[in-house]
Amino acid sequence: MSKRALVSKLIQDVRASYWFLPGSLVCLAALLAQGTLYLDQHPDFLPFDLPKGLRDTQVDGARSLMSIISQSVFGVAGVMFSMTIVAVSFASGNFGPRLIGNFMRDRGNQWSLGILVATFVYALLITRAIQSPTGADADLSTALFVPYLSILIALGLTFVSVFTVVYFVHHIPETINVSNITAGLGKRLVRDIKTLIDTQSDRDPSTTPTQPTGDPAMTVTLGQSGYIQTMNKEQLRNLAQDHDLFIDVPLPVGEFVTEDTVVLRIWGPQVPDEAKEELTSCFALGHSPTESQNLMFIVDQLVEMIARAMSPGVNDPFTAINCLNWLHSACVAAANHKGGLRSVQDGPVKTKALEFGDLLEASFGVPWKYIHADPLCARHMRVIFAQLPHQLEEPEHLDSFRAFMDRVDPAI
């Protein structure tokens, strides 16, 4: 795995994790505690005077206050984590397990947990620093030390934590609201489609060589199984140009490959052994498909929500209609944004490009079998099919739509 593909995969894993942001905030809290304790030990560095009421705080009162803060905040953090798990379980059970990653990536959940845990760590470290020359510490000749500035900041973090809990209690119901879930998926799908089209528009077709005829000089397998999560197209293009190769990538990102699945077909002169290793390192595999470089994964999530909504045990046509509306919006963007999706070859590297017909089939052809028996959903899909021909600006996309209509149920 190349460094770039590895970094890309690590970034995906970190974004999909629930620990990175809270862990980073905990580290920052520990550093903040050391910094404020240093200022408490060297008050001359402070550009302002602390309030007199705060400077009158005694050792026992300071310890009690910090203990209450740390215990309370940590207890609330545990409840907050439990609420998150309940929300994730509810969403995955009702809308599909593919949505778990959306909740894990939710910045609101990560910030909320991180702020409370960081406040706990900060208060714990400050409590440890409070010292008294009396009682158990008398034999140690310990000087009296009450970190007034640190206590003031701990109080500030406590108020921040209170408002964080208020936000979290509001945010959790929002995250499991089905309309918000579908809207979030739909907006990301439209955004990714437009980004893909913008990328295609930047390519120069005049620099694209013709694919050679005949059998390829060699094929490349990865020697392991998994889902293709990232593909370093830039490195593939550079290798093809450096060694005068034409490379065909028959599988898109998101496909499952086995040890013997061909992922590259290469025409050209003999490829050096070191180049073969670099070619295989352009791919990063994982245990599941992700949204990175694979917008069809978002389509699959919306279609899965339709399938679950129309199952006999749920029978929720309005959720299915909501998903269809966002798929409709995505298809319009795929057809009209800067000329729409089209097959564009990236120099001497040919990849399996997403085309408008593919998106149309995945968005409406696949879910049709789940909704055709429901009067509300079937009628709504007919409305969408009646609107689409008038919304498509390119003749080739209109031809793709007509070909699609010929393949689906004639009852439409």
Foldseek 3Di string as FASTA:
>chain_A
DDPVQVVVVVVVVLLLALVDLLVVLLVVLVVVLVVLVVCLVVVVPDPDDDDPVLVPDDLVNLLVVLVVLLVVLVVVLVVLVVLLVVLLVVCCVQQNNVCSSVSSNDPLSSVLSSLSVSLNSNSVSLSVVQDDCDDPNVVVVDDGGHSSRSSVVSVVSSVVNVVSSVVSVVVSVLVNPLLNVLVVLLVVLLVVQLVVVVVLVPADQVLADDDDDDAFPDFAFLQAKAFFAFFQVVLVQVLCVVQVKFKEQEDFHFDIDHRPDTGIGIHDDDDDPVSSVSNSVRTDGDHGYDCVSPSVSSLVSLLSSLLSCLPPVHVNVVSNLSSLVSLLVSLLSQQPNVRHFDQGQRHSYHYDGDHSLNSVCSNDVVSCVRPVPPPVNVVSVVVSLVCVLVSGDDPVNNVSSVVVCVPHDPVD
